[in-house]
Amino acid sequence: MSSGINYLGEPDAVAVVLAPLRRKLLARLREPASATQLAAALDLPRQKVNYHLRALETAGLVELVEERQRRGCVERIVRAKPGAFVVDPTVLSHEDDTAQRNRIQDQYAAEHLVDVAAATVRDVARMQVKADEAGKRLLTFTAESDVRFASPADVHRFTDELTEAMRKIAARYDTPDGRPYRVVASGHPKPSEKPNEQGESE
């Protein structure tokens, strides 16, 4: 059982994939290939390609598929690990977890929404990797909806009603010895396909 999530939670691991050539190699390695094949496709020296492949393999982003005997030497066939690469959004943060938790929480601040979303990506990705390693399923859920507000005041009224509804539903299902879940409801303007000059949704 596998979720197809490759979690990158350390700065060194993230740095490995930042180089443009390494991103190209990962893209091409959706299909297995050797350093020789990649070098020919990218018109690069095989030694250079092999160096970067080793870095990706050491970081756990590339895996060995097979080894073939070819002209008296061993040709290594590798591929990018299947699934999505998820980078911890907090990996470059200068704050520790305690500082983030103690920050004033403004439910209408975009910065708070970004903090919560980043923590959600980090926590779920970490738990999913552990669940995969244990051969278990991580039970999650997502509820989504679109709504068109007539005015900013309606956004506030909607938020108040949603908060109260969530409080009541949570109280109904909360069990002292149950497994704790974090439920997050958030909203943001739906991006337009044609942003205006300020980069805002129209």
N, C-alpha and C. Protein backbone atom coordinates (compact mmCIF):
# COMPACT_ATOMS: atom_id res chain seq x y z
N MET A 1 0.85 -1.19 0.00
CA MET A 1 0.00 0.00 0.00
C MET A 1 0.89 1.24 0.00
N SER A 2 0.61 2.17 -0.91
CA SER A 2 1.43 3.37 -0.98
C SER A 2 0.59 4.56 -1.40
N SER A 3 0.84 5.71 -0.78
CA SER A 3 0.09 6.91 -1.10
C SER A 3 0.70 7.65 -2.28
N GLY A 4 1.95 7.31 -2.62
CA GLY A 4 2.62 8.07 -3.67
C GLY A 4 3.08 9.42 -3.20
N ILE A 5 3.39 9.56 -1.90
CA ILE A 5 3.91 10.81 -1.36
C ILE A 5 5.37 10.62 -0.98
N ASN A 6 6.22 11.47 -1.53
CA ASN A 6 7.63 11.51 -1.15
C ASN A 6 7.85 12.82 -0.41
N TYR A 7 7.97 12.73 0.91
CA TYR A 7 8.01 13.92 1.76
C TYR A 7 9.43 14.45 1.90
N LEU A 8 9.60 15.73 1.58
CA LEU A 8 10.90 16.40 1.72
C LEU A 8 10.79 17.39 2.87
N GLY A 9 11.32 17.00 4.03
CA GLY A 9 11.16 17.82 5.22
C GLY A 9 12.45 18.41 5.76
N GLU A 10 13.56 18.14 5.09
CA GLU A 10 14.85 18.66 5.55
C GLU A 10 15.42 19.62 4.51
N PRO A 11 16.04 20.73 4.95
CA PRO A 11 16.60 21.70 4.00
C PRO A 11 17.55 21.08 2.99
N ASP A 12 18.39 20.14 3.42
CA ASP A 12 19.34 19.52 2.50
C ASP A 12 18.63 18.75 1.39
N ALA A 13 17.56 18.04 1.75
CA ALA A 13 16.81 17.29 0.75
C ALA A 13 16.14 18.22 -0.23
N VAL A 14 15.61 19.34 0.26
CA VAL A 14 14.97 20.33 -0.61
C VAL A 14 16.01 20.94 -1.55
N ALA A 15 17.20 21.24 -1.00
CA ALA A 15 18.25 21.86 -1.81
C ALA A 15 18.66 20.96 -2.97
N VAL A 16 18.59 19.66 -2.77
CA VAL A 16 18.99 18.72 -3.82
C VAL A 16 18.15 18.89 -5.07
N VAL A 17 16.86 19.17 -4.91
CA VAL A 17 15.97 19.24 -6.07
C VAL A 17 15.84 20.64 -6.64
N LEU A 18 16.51 21.63 -6.05
CA LEU A 18 16.38 22.99 -6.55
C LEU A 18 17.15 23.23 -7.84
N ALA A 19 18.22 22.50 -8.06
CA ALA A 19 19.03 22.70 -9.27
C ALA A 19 18.20 22.36 -10.50
N PRO A 20 18.19 23.24 -11.51
CA PRO A 20 17.38 22.99 -12.72
C PRO A 20 17.68 21.65 -13.38
N LEU A 21 18.96 21.25 -13.44
CA LEU A 21 19.30 19.99 -14.09
C LEU A 21 18.70 18.82 -13.34
N ARG A 22 18.71 18.87 -12.03
CA ARG A 22 18.15 17.77 -11.25
C ARG A 22 16.64 17.69 -11.42
N ARG A 23 15.98 18.83 -11.56
CA ARG A 23 14.54 18.80 -11.81
C ARG A 23 14.26 18.18 -13.18
N LYS A 24 15.12 18.47 -14.16
CA LYS A 24 14.97 17.86 -15.49
C LYS A 24 15.15 16.35 -15.41
N LEU A 25 16.14 15.93 -14.64
CA LEU A 25 16.39 14.50 -14.51
C LEU A 25 15.21 13.80 -13.86
N LEU A 26 14.65 14.40 -12.81
CA LEU A 26 13.50 13.79 -12.15
C LEU A 26 12.31 13.70 -13.09
N ALA A 27 12.13 14.72 -13.93
CA ALA A 27 11.02 14.70 -14.89
C ALA A 27 11.20 13.57 -15.89
N ARG A 28 12.43 13.39 -16.38
CA ARG A 28 12.69 12.33 -17.37
C ARG A 28 12.67 10.95 -16.73
N LEU A 29 12.96 10.90 -15.44
CA LEU A 29 13.01 9.60 -14.77
C LEU A 29 11.65 9.11 -14.30
N ARG A 30 10.58 9.69 -14.83
CA ARG A 30 9.27 9.06 -14.62
C ARG A 30 9.28 7.68 -15.28
N GLU A 31 10.14 7.56 -16.31
CA GLU A 31 10.39 6.27 -16.94
C GLU A 31 11.83 5.87 -16.64
N PRO A 32 12.09 4.61 -16.31
CA PRO A 32 13.46 4.18 -15.97
C PRO A 32 14.44 4.48 -17.08
N ALA A 33 15.64 4.86 -16.68
CA ALA A 33 16.70 5.16 -17.65
C ALA A 33 18.05 5.05 -16.98
N SER A 34 19.09 4.99 -17.80
CA SER A 34 20.45 4.94 -17.27
C SER A 34 21.10 6.31 -17.44
N ALA A 35 22.24 6.51 -16.79
CA ALA A 35 22.97 7.76 -16.93
C ALA A 35 23.37 7.99 -18.38
N THR A 36 23.72 6.91 -19.08
CA THR A 36 24.11 7.02 -20.49
C THR A 36 22.95 7.50 -21.34
N GLN A 37 21.76 6.94 -21.11
CA GLN A 37 20.59 7.34 -21.87
C GLN A 37 20.20 8.79 -21.59
N LEU A 38 20.28 9.18 -20.33
CA LEU A 38 19.94 10.55 -19.96
C LEU A 38 20.95 11.54 -20.52
N ALA A 39 22.23 11.17 -20.50
CA ALA A 39 23.27 12.05 -21.03
C ALA A 39 23.06 12.29 -22.51
N ALA A 40 22.70 11.24 -23.24
CA ALA A 40 22.45 11.38 -24.68
C ALA A 40 21.23 12.26 -24.93
N ALA A 41 20.19 12.07 -24.14
CA ALA A 41 18.96 12.84 -24.34
C ALA A 41 19.16 14.32 -24.02
N LEU A 42 20.01 14.61 -23.04
CA LEU A 42 20.22 15.99 -22.61
C LEU A 42 21.48 16.61 -23.20
N ASP A 43 22.22 15.81 -24.00
CA ASP A 43 23.47 16.26 -24.62
C ASP A 43 24.45 16.77 -23.56
N LEU A 44 24.68 15.92 -22.55
CA LEU A 44 25.58 16.25 -21.45
C LEU A 44 26.58 15.12 -21.25
N PRO A 45 27.73 15.40 -20.63
CA PRO A 45 28.68 14.32 -20.32
C PRO A 45 28.05 13.32 -19.35
N ARG A 46 28.31 12.04 -19.57
CA ARG A 46 27.72 11.01 -18.72
C ARG A 46 28.17 11.17 -17.29
N GLN A 47 29.43 11.56 -17.06
CA GLN A 47 29.95 11.71 -15.71
C GLN A 47 29.17 12.78 -14.93
N LYS A 48 28.82 13.87 -15.63
CA LYS A 48 28.06 14.94 -14.98
C LYS A 48 26.66 14.45 -14.60
N VAL A 49 26.02 13.75 -15.51
CA VAL A 49 24.68 13.22 -15.24
C VAL A 49 24.75 12.22 -14.09
N ASN A 50 25.75 11.36 -14.12
CA ASN A 50 25.88 10.34 -13.08
C ASN A 50 26.08 10.98 -11.70
N TYR A 51 26.84 12.08 -11.65
CA TYR A 51 27.06 12.79 -10.39
C TYR A 51 25.74 13.27 -9.79
N HIS A 52 24.91 13.87 -10.62
CA HIS A 52 23.63 14.40 -10.15
C HIS A 52 22.66 13.27 -9.82
N LEU A 53 22.72 12.17 -10.55
CA LEU A 53 21.88 11.02 -10.23
C LEU A 53 22.23 10.46 -8.86
N ARG A 54 23.51 10.40 -8.56
CA ARG A 54 23.94 9.90 -7.25
C ARG A 54 23.41 10.79 -6.13
N ALA A 55 23.43 12.10 -6.36
CA ALA A 55 22.92 13.04 -5.34
C ALA A 55 21.43 12.82 -5.12
N LEU A 56 20.69 12.63 -6.21
CA LEU A 56 19.25 12.39 -6.10
C LEU A 56 18.96 11.05 -5.41
N GLU A 57 19.79 10.06 -5.71
CA GLU A 57 19.61 8.74 -5.11
C GLU A 57 19.92 8.79 -3.61
N THR A 58 20.99 9.51 -3.24
CA THR A 58 21.35 9.64 -1.84
C THR A 58 20.25 10.34 -1.05
N ALA A 59 19.58 11.30 -1.69
CA ALA A 59 18.48 12.02 -1.04
C ALA A 59 17.20 11.21 -0.99
N GLY A 60 17.21 10.03 -1.60
CA GLY A 60 16.03 9.18 -1.56
C GLY A 60 14.98 9.55 -2.59
N LEU A 61 15.36 10.31 -3.62
CA LEU A 61 14.40 10.74 -4.64
C LEU A 61 14.42 9.84 -5.88
N VAL A 62 15.49 9.09 -6.01
CA VAL A 62 15.67 8.20 -7.16
C VAL A 62 15.99 6.81 -6.62
N GLU A 63 15.45 5.79 -7.26
CA GLU A 63 15.68 4.42 -6.80
C GLU A 63 16.19 3.54 -7.94
N LEU A 64 16.96 2.53 -7.56
CA LEU A 64 17.52 1.59 -8.53
C LEU A 64 16.44 0.61 -8.97
N VAL A 65 16.31 0.44 -10.30
CA VAL A 65 15.34 -0.51 -10.86
C VAL A 65 16.02 -1.84 -11.17
N GLU A 66 17.16 -1.75 -11.85
CA GLU A 66 17.91 -2.97 -12.18
C GLU A 66 19.33 -2.61 -12.58
N GLU A 67 20.16 -3.63 -12.63
CA GLU A 67 21.54 -3.49 -13.12
C GLU A 67 21.74 -4.44 -14.29
N ARG A 68 22.32 -3.90 -15.37
CA ARG A 68 22.52 -4.70 -16.58
C ARG A 68 24.01 -4.76 -16.91
N GLN A 69 24.43 -5.92 -17.38
CA GLN A 69 25.79 -6.07 -17.88
C GLN A 69 25.85 -5.52 -19.30
N ARG A 70 26.76 -4.59 -19.52
CA ARG A 70 26.86 -3.99 -20.86
C ARG A 70 28.31 -3.65 -21.16
N ARG A 71 28.85 -4.30 -22.18
CA ARG A 71 30.23 -4.04 -22.63
C ARG A 71 31.23 -4.10 -21.49
N GLY A 72 31.11 -5.12 -20.69
CA GLY A 72 32.08 -5.35 -19.63
C GLY A 72 31.88 -4.50 -18.39
N CYS A 73 30.81 -3.73 -18.33
CA CYS A 73 30.54 -2.93 -17.13
C CYS A 73 29.08 -3.08 -16.74
N VAL A 74 28.76 -2.58 -15.59
CA VAL A 74 27.39 -2.67 -15.08
C VAL A 74 26.67 -1.35 -15.34
N GLU A 75 25.55 -1.43 -16.03
CA GLU A 75 24.73 -0.25 -16.30
C GLU A 75 23.58 -0.22 -15.30
N ARG A 76 23.49 0.88 -14.57
CA ARG A 76 22.44 1.02 -13.56
C ARG A 76 21.22 1.71 -14.16
N ILE A 77 20.06 1.10 -14.03
CA ILE A 77 18.81 1.68 -14.50
C ILE A 77 18.07 2.21 -13.28
N VAL A 78 17.75 3.48 -13.29
CA VAL A 78 17.10 4.11 -12.15
C VAL A 78 15.83 4.82 -12.60
N ARG A 79 15.03 5.20 -11.62
CA ARG A 79 13.82 5.97 -11.90
C ARG A 79 13.52 6.86 -10.69
N ALA A 80 12.74 7.91 -10.93
CA ALA A 80 12.27 8.74 -9.82
C ALA A 80 11.28 7.93 -9.00
N LYS A 81 11.29 8.10 -7.71
CA LYS A 81 10.33 7.39 -6.88
C LYS A 81 8.91 7.76 -7.30
N PRO A 82 8.06 6.77 -7.46
CA PRO A 82 6.69 7.05 -7.91
C PRO A 82 5.96 7.98 -6.94
N GLY A 83 5.08 8.79 -7.47
CA GLY A 83 4.25 9.66 -6.65
C GLY A 83 4.72 11.10 -6.63
N ALA A 84 4.01 11.90 -5.88
CA ALA A 84 4.29 13.33 -5.80
C ALA A 84 5.38 13.63 -4.79
N PHE A 85 6.19 14.63 -5.09
CA PHE A 85 7.18 15.13 -4.14
C PHE A 85 6.55 16.29 -3.38
N VAL A 86 6.43 16.12 -2.06
CA VAL A 86 5.79 17.13 -1.23
C VAL A 86 6.87 17.79 -0.37
N VAL A 87 7.06 19.09 -0.58
CA VAL A 87 8.04 19.84 0.19
C VAL A 87 7.35 20.46 1.39
N ASP A 88 7.92 20.26 2.56
CA ASP A 88 7.39 20.86 3.79
C ASP A 88 7.40 22.39 3.63
N PRO A 89 6.23 23.04 3.60
CA PRO A 89 6.20 24.49 3.41
C PRO A 89 6.87 25.26 4.54
N THR A 90 7.08 24.62 5.69
CA THR A 90 7.69 25.31 6.82
C THR A 90 9.20 25.09 6.89
N VAL A 91 9.76 24.41 5.90
CA VAL A 91 11.17 24.02 6.00
C VAL A 91 12.10 25.22 6.02
N LEU A 92 11.68 26.34 5.42
CA LEU A 92 12.52 27.54 5.40
C LEU A 92 12.11 28.56 6.46
N SER A 93 11.17 28.18 7.32
CA SER A 93 10.72 29.09 8.36
C SER A 93 11.81 29.29 9.41
N HIS A 94 11.91 30.52 9.90
CA HIS A 94 12.87 30.81 10.96
C HIS A 94 12.26 30.62 12.34
N GLU A 95 10.96 30.28 12.39
CA GLU A 95 10.29 30.09 13.67
C GLU A 95 10.19 28.61 13.98
N ASP A 96 10.27 28.29 15.28
CA ASP A 96 10.02 26.91 15.65
C ASP A 96 8.52 26.70 15.83
N ASP A 97 8.11 25.45 16.02
CA ASP A 97 6.69 25.13 16.12
C ASP A 97 6.02 25.87 17.27
N THR A 98 6.75 26.02 18.41
CA THR A 98 6.16 26.69 19.56
C THR A 98 5.86 28.16 19.24
N ALA A 99 6.79 28.81 18.56
CA ALA A 99 6.58 30.21 18.20
C ALA A 99 5.39 30.36 17.27
N GLN A 100 5.24 29.43 16.34
CA GLN A 100 4.11 29.50 15.42
C GLN A 100 2.80 29.30 16.16
N ARG A 101 2.77 28.37 17.11
CA ARG A 101 1.54 28.11 17.85
C ARG A 101 1.17 29.29 18.75
N ASN A 102 2.19 30.00 19.26
CA ASN A 102 1.93 31.10 20.18
C ASN A 102 1.63 32.42 19.46
N ARG A 103 1.78 32.44 18.15
CA ARG A 103 1.51 33.66 17.41
C ARG A 103 0.02 34.00 17.52
N ILE A 104 -0.28 35.31 17.59
CA ILE A 104 -1.68 35.72 17.66
C ILE A 104 -2.42 35.20 16.44
N GLN A 105 -3.55 34.53 16.67
CA GLN A 105 -4.30 33.93 15.58
C GLN A 105 -5.46 34.83 15.18
N ASP A 106 -5.38 35.37 14.00
CA ASP A 106 -6.42 36.22 13.44
C ASP A 106 -7.11 35.43 12.33
N GLN A 107 -8.36 35.04 12.56
CA GLN A 107 -9.01 34.15 11.60
C GLN A 107 -9.30 34.83 10.27
N TYR A 108 -9.13 36.15 10.21
CA TYR A 108 -9.34 36.85 8.94
C TYR A 108 -8.02 37.28 8.28
N ALA A 109 -6.90 36.85 8.84
CA ALA A 109 -5.59 37.23 8.29
C ALA A 109 -5.10 36.18 7.31
N ALA A 110 -4.67 36.62 6.14
CA ALA A 110 -4.14 35.70 5.14
C ALA A 110 -2.91 34.97 5.67
N GLU A 111 -2.10 35.67 6.49
CA GLU A 111 -0.90 35.04 7.03
C GLU A 111 -1.25 33.84 7.91
N HIS A 112 -2.33 33.97 8.67
CA HIS A 112 -2.75 32.86 9.54
C HIS A 112 -3.23 31.68 8.69
N LEU A 113 -3.97 31.96 7.63
CA LEU A 113 -4.43 30.90 6.74
C LEU A 113 -3.25 30.16 6.12
N VAL A 114 -2.23 30.92 5.70
CA VAL A 114 -1.05 30.29 5.11
C VAL A 114 -0.33 29.43 6.14
N ASP A 115 -0.21 29.92 7.39
CA ASP A 115 0.42 29.14 8.45
C ASP A 115 -0.32 27.82 8.68
N VAL A 116 -1.65 27.90 8.76
CA VAL A 116 -2.45 26.70 9.00
C VAL A 116 -2.33 25.72 7.84
N ALA A 117 -2.39 26.25 6.61
CA ALA A 117 -2.28 25.39 5.43
C ALA A 117 -0.92 24.72 5.37
N ALA A 118 0.14 25.47 5.68
CA ALA A 118 1.48 24.91 5.66
C ALA A 118 1.63 23.80 6.70
N ALA A 119 1.10 24.04 7.89
CA ALA A 119 1.18 23.02 8.95
C ALA A 119 0.38 21.78 8.56
N THR A 120 -0.74 21.98 7.86
CA THR A 120 -1.55 20.84 7.43
C THR A 120 -0.78 19.99 6.43
N VAL A 121 -0.15 20.63 5.45
CA VAL A 121 0.65 19.90 4.46
C VAL A 121 1.76 19.12 5.15
N ARG A 122 2.46 19.78 6.05
CA ARG A 122 3.56 19.14 6.77
C ARG A 122 3.08 17.94 7.58
N ASP A 123 2.06 18.15 8.40
CA ASP A 123 1.62 17.09 9.32
C ASP A 123 1.02 15.90 8.57
N VAL A 124 0.18 16.17 7.58
CA VAL A 124 -0.46 15.08 6.84
C VAL A 124 0.57 14.29 6.04
N ALA A 125 1.51 15.00 5.40
CA ALA A 125 2.54 14.30 4.63
C ALA A 125 3.39 13.41 5.53
N ARG A 126 3.79 13.92 6.68
CA ARG A 126 4.58 13.11 7.63
C ARG A 126 3.81 11.86 8.06
N MET A 127 2.55 12.04 8.42
CA MET A 127 1.76 10.91 8.91
C MET A 127 1.48 9.91 7.79
N GLN A 128 1.30 10.41 6.55
CA GLN A 128 1.03 9.50 5.45
C GLN A 128 2.25 8.63 5.14
N VAL A 129 3.44 9.21 5.21
CA VAL A 129 4.66 8.43 5.00
C VAL A 129 4.78 7.35 6.06
N LYS A 130 4.51 7.70 7.32
CA LYS A 130 4.59 6.71 8.40
C LYS A 130 3.53 5.63 8.22
N ALA A 131 2.34 6.00 7.78
CA ALA A 131 1.28 5.02 7.54
C ALA A 131 1.68 4.06 6.43
N ASP A 132 2.29 4.59 5.37
CA ASP A 132 2.77 3.74 4.28
C ASP A 132 3.80 2.74 4.78
N GLU A 133 4.73 3.24 5.61
CA GLU A 133 5.78 2.36 6.13
C GLU A 133 5.19 1.24 6.98
N ALA A 134 4.09 1.53 7.68
CA ALA A 134 3.45 0.53 8.54
C ALA A 134 2.42 -0.30 7.79
N GLY A 135 2.20 0.01 6.51
CA GLY A 135 1.22 -0.72 5.73
C GLY A 135 -0.21 -0.42 6.15
N LYS A 136 -0.42 0.80 6.67
CA LYS A 136 -1.75 1.18 7.13
C LYS A 136 -2.30 2.33 6.29
N ARG A 137 -3.59 2.57 6.45
CA ARG A 137 -4.24 3.66 5.75
C ARG A 137 -4.44 4.83 6.70
N LEU A 138 -4.09 6.01 6.26
CA LEU A 138 -4.33 7.22 7.04
C LEU A 138 -5.72 7.74 6.69
N LEU A 139 -6.63 7.73 7.65
CA LEU A 139 -8.01 8.15 7.40
C LEU A 139 -8.12 9.67 7.49
N THR A 140 -8.37 10.29 6.36
CA THR A 140 -8.55 11.74 6.29
C THR A 140 -9.85 12.04 5.55
N PHE A 141 -10.26 13.28 5.59
CA PHE A 141 -11.42 13.69 4.79
C PHE A 141 -11.25 15.13 4.37
N THR A 142 -11.91 15.49 3.28
CA THR A 142 -11.86 16.85 2.76
C THR A 142 -13.27 17.25 2.33
N ALA A 143 -13.71 18.40 2.75
CA ALA A 143 -14.99 18.95 2.34
C ALA A 143 -14.74 20.29 1.64
N GLU A 144 -15.25 20.44 0.44
CA GLU A 144 -15.01 21.66 -0.33
C GLU A 144 -16.32 22.20 -0.88
N SER A 145 -16.37 23.51 -1.05
CA SER A 145 -17.55 24.12 -1.63
C SER A 145 -17.19 25.51 -2.14
N ASP A 146 -17.90 25.97 -3.15
CA ASP A 146 -17.75 27.33 -3.64
C ASP A 146 -18.96 28.14 -3.22
N VAL A 147 -18.74 29.40 -2.87
CA VAL A 147 -19.84 30.28 -2.51
C VAL A 147 -19.52 31.68 -3.01
N ARG A 148 -20.55 32.40 -3.45
CA ARG A 148 -20.35 33.76 -3.96
C ARG A 148 -20.96 34.75 -2.95
N PHE A 149 -20.11 35.58 -2.36
CA PHE A 149 -20.54 36.53 -1.33
C PHE A 149 -20.87 37.88 -1.98
N ALA A 150 -21.96 38.47 -1.52
CA ALA A 150 -22.36 39.77 -2.06
C ALA A 150 -21.51 40.91 -1.51
N SER A 151 -20.99 40.72 -0.28
CA SER A 151 -20.23 41.80 0.35
C SER A 151 -19.28 41.23 1.39
N PRO A 152 -18.25 42.01 1.79
CA PRO A 152 -17.35 41.56 2.85
C PRO A 152 -18.08 41.25 4.15
N ALA A 153 -19.16 41.98 4.42
CA ALA A 153 -19.92 41.71 5.64
C ALA A 153 -20.50 40.30 5.62
N ASP A 154 -20.89 39.83 4.44
CA ASP A 154 -21.42 38.48 4.32
C ASP A 154 -20.35 37.44 4.64
N VAL A 155 -19.10 37.73 4.30
CA VAL A 155 -17.99 36.82 4.61
C VAL A 155 -17.90 36.63 6.13
N HIS A 156 -18.00 37.72 6.87
CA HIS A 156 -17.92 37.66 8.33
C HIS A 156 -19.12 36.92 8.91
N ARG A 157 -20.30 37.19 8.40
CA ARG A 157 -21.48 36.50 8.91
C ARG A 157 -21.41 35.00 8.61
N PHE A 158 -20.96 34.68 7.40
CA PHE A 158 -20.81 33.27 7.02
C PHE A 158 -19.81 32.58 7.94
N THR A 159 -18.69 33.26 8.22
CA THR A 159 -17.65 32.68 9.09
C THR A 159 -18.20 32.43 10.50
N ASP A 160 -18.96 33.39 11.01
CA ASP A 160 -19.54 33.22 12.35
C ASP A 160 -20.49 32.02 12.38
N GLU A 161 -21.34 31.89 11.36
CA GLU A 161 -22.30 30.78 11.32
C GLU A 161 -21.58 29.44 11.16
N LEU A 162 -20.55 29.42 10.30
CA LEU A 162 -19.80 28.18 10.08
C LEU A 162 -19.06 27.77 11.35
N THR A 163 -18.48 28.74 12.04
CA THR A 163 -17.76 28.45 13.29
C THR A 163 -18.70 27.85 14.33
N GLU A 164 -19.89 28.43 14.46
CA GLU A 164 -20.85 27.93 15.42
C GLU A 164 -21.35 26.53 15.03
N ALA A 165 -21.58 26.32 13.72
CA ALA A 165 -22.02 24.99 13.27
C ALA A 165 -20.95 23.95 13.53
N MET A 166 -19.70 24.30 13.27
CA MET A 166 -18.60 23.37 13.53
C MET A 166 -18.48 23.05 15.01
N ARG A 167 -18.68 24.08 15.85
CA ARG A 167 -18.59 23.86 17.30
C ARG A 167 -19.66 22.87 17.76
N LYS A 168 -20.87 23.01 17.25
CA LYS A 168 -21.96 22.13 17.65
C LYS A 168 -21.74 20.70 17.15
N ILE A 169 -21.30 20.58 15.90
CA ILE A 169 -21.06 19.24 15.34
C ILE A 169 -19.91 18.56 16.06
N ALA A 170 -18.85 19.32 16.34
CA ALA A 170 -17.70 18.75 17.05
C ALA A 170 -18.11 18.27 18.44
N ALA A 171 -18.95 19.06 19.13
CA ALA A 171 -19.40 18.68 20.47
C ALA A 171 -20.23 17.39 20.41
N ARG A 172 -20.98 17.21 19.32
CA ARG A 172 -21.82 16.02 19.18
C ARG A 172 -20.99 14.75 19.01
N TYR A 173 -19.87 14.86 18.30
CA TYR A 173 -19.07 13.67 17.99
C TYR A 173 -17.85 13.50 18.88
N ASP A 174 -17.50 14.50 19.63
CA ASP A 174 -16.29 14.43 20.46
C ASP A 174 -16.43 13.34 21.54
N THR A 175 -15.42 12.46 21.61
CA THR A 175 -15.41 11.37 22.58
C THR A 175 -14.12 11.44 23.38
N PRO A 176 -14.20 11.45 24.70
CA PRO A 176 -12.99 11.61 25.53
C PRO A 176 -11.86 10.65 25.20
N ASP A 177 -12.19 9.38 24.90
CA ASP A 177 -11.12 8.42 24.62
C ASP A 177 -10.96 8.15 23.12
N GLY A 178 -11.55 9.02 22.29
CA GLY A 178 -11.44 8.84 20.84
C GLY A 178 -10.13 9.38 20.30
N ARG A 179 -9.86 9.08 19.03
CA ARG A 179 -8.65 9.58 18.40
C ARG A 179 -8.85 11.04 18.00
N PRO A 180 -7.98 11.94 18.46
CA PRO A 180 -8.16 13.37 18.15
C PRO A 180 -7.91 13.67 16.67
N TYR A 181 -8.76 14.49 16.10
CA TYR A 181 -8.62 14.97 14.73
C TYR A 181 -8.56 16.49 14.74
N ARG A 182 -7.85 17.04 13.79
CA ARG A 182 -7.83 18.49 13.61
C ARG A 182 -8.69 18.80 12.39
N VAL A 183 -9.72 19.60 12.57
CA VAL A 183 -10.61 19.97 11.48
C VAL A 183 -10.40 21.44 11.16
N VAL A 184 -10.07 21.74 9.91
CA VAL A 184 -9.80 23.10 9.49
C VAL A 184 -10.78 23.49 8.39
N ALA A 185 -11.45 24.61 8.57
CA ALA A 185 -12.30 25.16 7.51
C ALA A 185 -11.73 26.53 7.16
N SER A 186 -11.45 26.74 5.91
CA SER A 186 -10.85 28.01 5.51
C SER A 186 -11.48 28.48 4.21
N GLY A 187 -11.30 29.74 3.93
CA GLY A 187 -11.83 30.29 2.69
C GLY A 187 -10.90 31.35 2.14
N HIS A 188 -10.84 31.42 0.84
CA HIS A 188 -10.04 32.46 0.18
C HIS A 188 -10.65 32.74 -1.18
N PRO A 189 -10.39 33.91 -1.75
CA PRO A 189 -10.94 34.21 -3.07
C PRO A 189 -10.52 33.15 -4.09
N LYS A 190 -11.44 32.75 -4.93
CA LYS A 190 -11.13 31.77 -5.95
C LYS A 190 -10.31 32.44 -7.04
N PRO A 191 -9.11 31.92 -7.35
CA PRO A 191 -8.27 32.58 -8.36
C PRO A 191 -8.97 32.65 -9.71
N SER A 192 -8.79 33.77 -10.36
CA SER A 192 -9.33 33.94 -11.71
C SER A 192 -8.32 33.44 -12.72
N GLU A 193 -8.80 32.98 -13.85
CA GLU A 193 -7.88 32.56 -14.91
C GLU A 193 -7.23 33.76 -15.55
N LYS A 194 -7.82 34.94 -15.36
CA LYS A 194 -7.27 36.16 -15.92
C LYS A 194 -7.06 37.18 -14.81
N PRO A 195 -5.93 37.07 -14.06
CA PRO A 195 -5.71 38.03 -12.98
C PRO A 195 -5.49 39.43 -13.52
N ASN A 196 -5.85 40.43 -12.71
CA ASN A 196 -5.63 41.81 -13.15
C ASN A 196 -4.17 42.19 -12.95
N GLU A 197 -3.84 43.41 -13.20
CA GLU A 197 -2.44 43.84 -13.16
C GLU A 197 -1.84 43.72 -11.77
N GLN A 198 -2.68 43.77 -10.73
CA GLN A 198 -2.16 43.64 -9.37
C GLN A 198 -2.06 42.18 -8.95
N GLY A 199 -2.43 41.26 -9.85
CA GLY A 199 -2.34 39.84 -9.53
C GLY A 199 -3.51 39.37 -8.69
N GLU A 200 -4.59 40.19 -8.59
CA GLU A 200 -5.74 39.83 -7.79
C GLU A 200 -6.82 39.22 -8.66
N SER A 201 -7.69 38.43 -8.04
CA SER A 201 -8.80 37.85 -8.76
C SER A 201 -9.80 38.93 -9.13
N GLU A 202 -10.36 38.82 -10.32
CA GLU A 202 -11.35 39.82 -10.74
C GLU A 202 -12.75 39.35 -10.39
